[in-house]
Amino acid sequence: MVQSPTNSPPYRSYVYIVGWSRAGPIKIGRTNALLKRLTQLQIGVPYRLRIWGAARVNDAAKAESLCHRHLRAAALLGEWFSIAPKSARQILAEIAASIDPRWNWWQPSLSEAMYRAHQLNPSSPRPSSVHKRYRKDAAMAELRWQRKQGWR
């Protein structure tokens, strides 16, 4: 029996918090492909961007809209806000929990972390077994640092 579209579970996408400093500013947006979106954003920003948090929810459009509305007083331009990422994470967690009781924080897989490590150092030679090991070590170091900071 084929399941109809109305009975299928809703697609879950991400509401993300991106920025380059612990003091802000941050960007709050939504996407289905988090790392691809980070790469797109990085092109127009002169500083290294970091994902400070990304909640996977059923209704990302609604969660993003509520976050923007909640942070209206701290709005800079477009989807950029003058607020610390830690405060934005707390707000996003509250909003995500109110929309979707099954929401969860994004956790990068090893392949995603390796992809991110390669994006940070694109001038490195083509991957070989040595370079793959280097990228894996760099990706794991990035994850350890994020966990130490309490973001993962």
Protein backbone atom coordinates (compact mmCIF):
# COMPACT_ATOMS: atom_id res chain seq x y z
CA MET A 1 0.00 0.00 0.00
CA VAL A 2 1.40 3.39 -1.00
CA GLN A 3 1.33 6.04 1.68
CA SER A 4 -0.35 9.26 0.66
CA PRO A 5 1.53 12.56 1.05
CA THR A 6 -0.93 13.74 3.71
CA ASN A 7 -0.14 10.72 5.91
CA SER A 8 3.64 10.91 5.51
CA PRO A 9 5.68 12.47 8.29
CA PRO A 10 6.67 16.10 7.68
CA TYR A 11 10.13 16.79 6.35
CA ARG A 12 12.50 17.93 9.09
CA SER A 13 14.96 20.69 8.23
CA TYR A 14 17.34 22.92 10.21
CA VAL A 15 17.15 26.32 11.83
CA TYR A 16 20.75 27.39 12.25
CA ILE A 17 22.77 29.99 14.12
CA VAL A 18 25.94 31.05 12.31
CA GLY A 19 28.52 33.64 13.26
CA TRP A 20 32.22 34.29 13.65
CA SER A 21 32.50 35.57 17.23
CA ARG A 22 31.21 34.65 20.67
CA ALA A 23 30.03 38.23 21.05
CA GLY A 24 28.02 38.23 17.83
CA PRO A 25 26.74 39.16 15.35
CA ILE A 26 24.90 36.01 14.36
CA LYS A 27 22.69 34.96 11.48
CA ILE A 28 19.57 32.88 12.00
CA GLY A 29 18.27 31.04 8.96
CA ARG A 30 16.92 27.73 7.75
CA THR A 31 18.14 25.11 5.32
CA ASN A 32 17.92 21.46 4.35
CA ALA A 33 21.67 21.17 3.66
CA LEU A 34 23.53 22.73 6.57
CA LEU A 35 27.15 22.41 5.47
CA LYS A 36 26.36 23.44 1.91
CA ARG A 37 24.61 26.55 3.26
CA LEU A 38 27.59 27.35 5.49
CA THR A 39 29.88 27.17 2.46
CA GLN A 40 27.56 29.53 0.55
CA LEU A 41 27.52 32.04 3.41
CA GLN A 42 31.28 31.88 3.86
CA ILE A 43 31.81 33.33 0.37
CA GLY A 44 30.48 36.75 1.38
CA VAL A 45 32.03 36.99 4.86
CA PRO A 46 35.68 37.90 5.50
CA TYR A 47 35.85 35.88 8.75
CA ARG A 48 35.67 32.14 9.35
CA LEU A 49 32.04 31.26 10.06
CA ARG A 50 31.08 28.69 12.67
CA ILE A 51 27.82 26.86 13.26
CA TRP A 52 26.91 27.84 16.82
CA GLY A 53 23.79 25.69 16.80
CA ALA A 54 21.31 24.06 14.47
CA ALA A 55 17.99 22.63 15.57
CA ARG A 56 16.27 20.02 13.44
CA VAL A 57 12.51 20.63 13.60
CA ASN A 58 9.38 19.72 11.67
CA ASP A 59 8.43 23.32 10.84
CA ALA A 60 11.70 25.18 10.30
CA ALA A 61 9.97 28.13 8.62
CA LYS A 62 7.82 28.75 11.69
CA ALA A 63 10.76 28.30 14.09
CA GLU A 64 12.90 30.72 12.08
CA SER A 65 10.10 33.27 11.94
CA LEU A 66 9.53 33.06 15.71
CA CYS A 67 13.27 33.46 16.37
CA HIS A 68 13.38 36.55 14.17
CA ARG A 69 10.33 37.99 15.89
CA HIS A 70 11.76 37.27 19.35
CA LEU A 71 15.08 38.94 18.44
CA ARG A 72 13.58 41.93 16.60
CA ALA A 73 15.11 44.40 19.10
CA ALA A 74 18.61 43.06 18.31
CA ALA A 75 18.13 43.08 14.52
CA LEU A 76 20.95 44.48 12.40
CA LEU A 77 20.23 43.86 8.72
CA GLY A 78 18.24 41.05 7.14
CA GLU A 79 18.71 37.88 9.19
CA TRP A 80 21.72 39.19 11.18
CA PHE A 81 21.34 39.99 14.88
CA SER A 82 23.53 41.63 17.51
CA ILE A 83 23.32 38.93 20.19
CA ALA A 84 25.70 36.36 21.63
CA PRO A 85 25.38 32.87 20.10
CA LYS A 86 24.87 31.30 23.54
CA SER A 87 21.77 33.44 24.16
CA ALA A 88 20.47 32.72 20.66
CA ARG A 89 20.90 28.96 21.27
CA GLN A 90 18.75 29.19 24.40
CA ILE A 91 16.03 31.07 22.53
CA LEU A 92 16.16 28.62 19.62
CA ALA A 93 15.93 25.65 22.01
CA GLU A 94 12.81 27.08 23.67
CA ILE A 95 11.14 27.83 20.33
CA ALA A 96 12.07 24.45 18.83
CA ALA A 97 10.66 22.63 21.88
CA SER A 98 7.39 24.56 21.62
CA ILE A 99 7.00 23.66 17.92
CA ASP A 100 8.31 20.09 17.82
CA PRO A 101 8.65 17.88 20.91
CA ARG A 102 10.96 15.57 18.90
CA TRP A 103 13.42 18.34 17.93
CA ASN A 104 17.14 17.76 18.36
CA TRP A 105 20.45 19.58 17.92
CA TRP A 106 22.49 18.85 14.81
CA GLN A 107 25.51 16.65 15.45
CA PRO A 108 28.02 16.45 12.62
CA SER A 109 28.91 13.03 11.35
CA LEU A 110 32.56 12.24 10.80
CA SER A 111 32.16 12.68 7.04
CA GLU A 112 30.56 16.10 7.57
CA ALA A 113 33.36 17.10 9.93
CA MET A 114 35.96 15.95 7.41
CA TYR A 115 34.20 17.91 4.68
CA ARG A 116 34.25 21.02 6.90
CA ALA A 117 37.94 20.55 7.70
CA HIS A 118 38.71 20.35 3.96
CA GLN A 119 36.64 23.48 3.32
CA LEU A 120 38.75 25.35 5.89
CA ASN A 121 41.96 24.41 4.07
CA PRO A 122 41.16 24.22 0.34
CA SER A 123 44.75 24.91 -0.69
CA SER A 124 45.90 21.54 0.62
CA PRO A 125 46.97 18.97 -1.99
CA ARG A 126 44.53 16.42 -3.31
CA PRO A 127 43.54 13.85 -0.68
CA SER A 128 45.76 10.83 -0.30
CA SER A 129 45.83 8.43 2.62
CA VAL A 130 48.09 10.88 4.50
CA HIS A 131 45.89 13.86 3.75
CA LYS A 132 42.74 11.94 4.61
CA ARG A 133 44.28 11.18 8.00
CA TYR A 134 45.20 14.86 8.44
CA ARG A 135 41.67 15.99 7.57
CA LYS A 136 40.19 13.40 9.92
CA ASP A 137 42.47 14.61 12.73
CA ALA A 138 41.59 18.25 11.99
CA ALA A 139 37.88 17.42 11.97
CA MET A 140 38.13 15.56 15.27
CA ALA A 141 40.07 18.46 16.79
CA GLU A 142 37.30 20.83 15.68
CA LEU A 143 34.64 18.59 17.27
CA ARG A 144 36.63 18.32 20.52
CA TRP A 145 37.01 22.09 20.66
CA GLN A 146 33.27 22.62 20.08
CA ARG A 147 32.39 20.09 22.80
CA LYS A 148 34.83 21.77 25.20
CA GLN A 149 33.07 25.07 24.56
CA GLY A 150 29.72 23.41 25.30
CA TRP A 151 28.27 23.79 21.81
CA ARG A 152 27.96 20.08 21.04
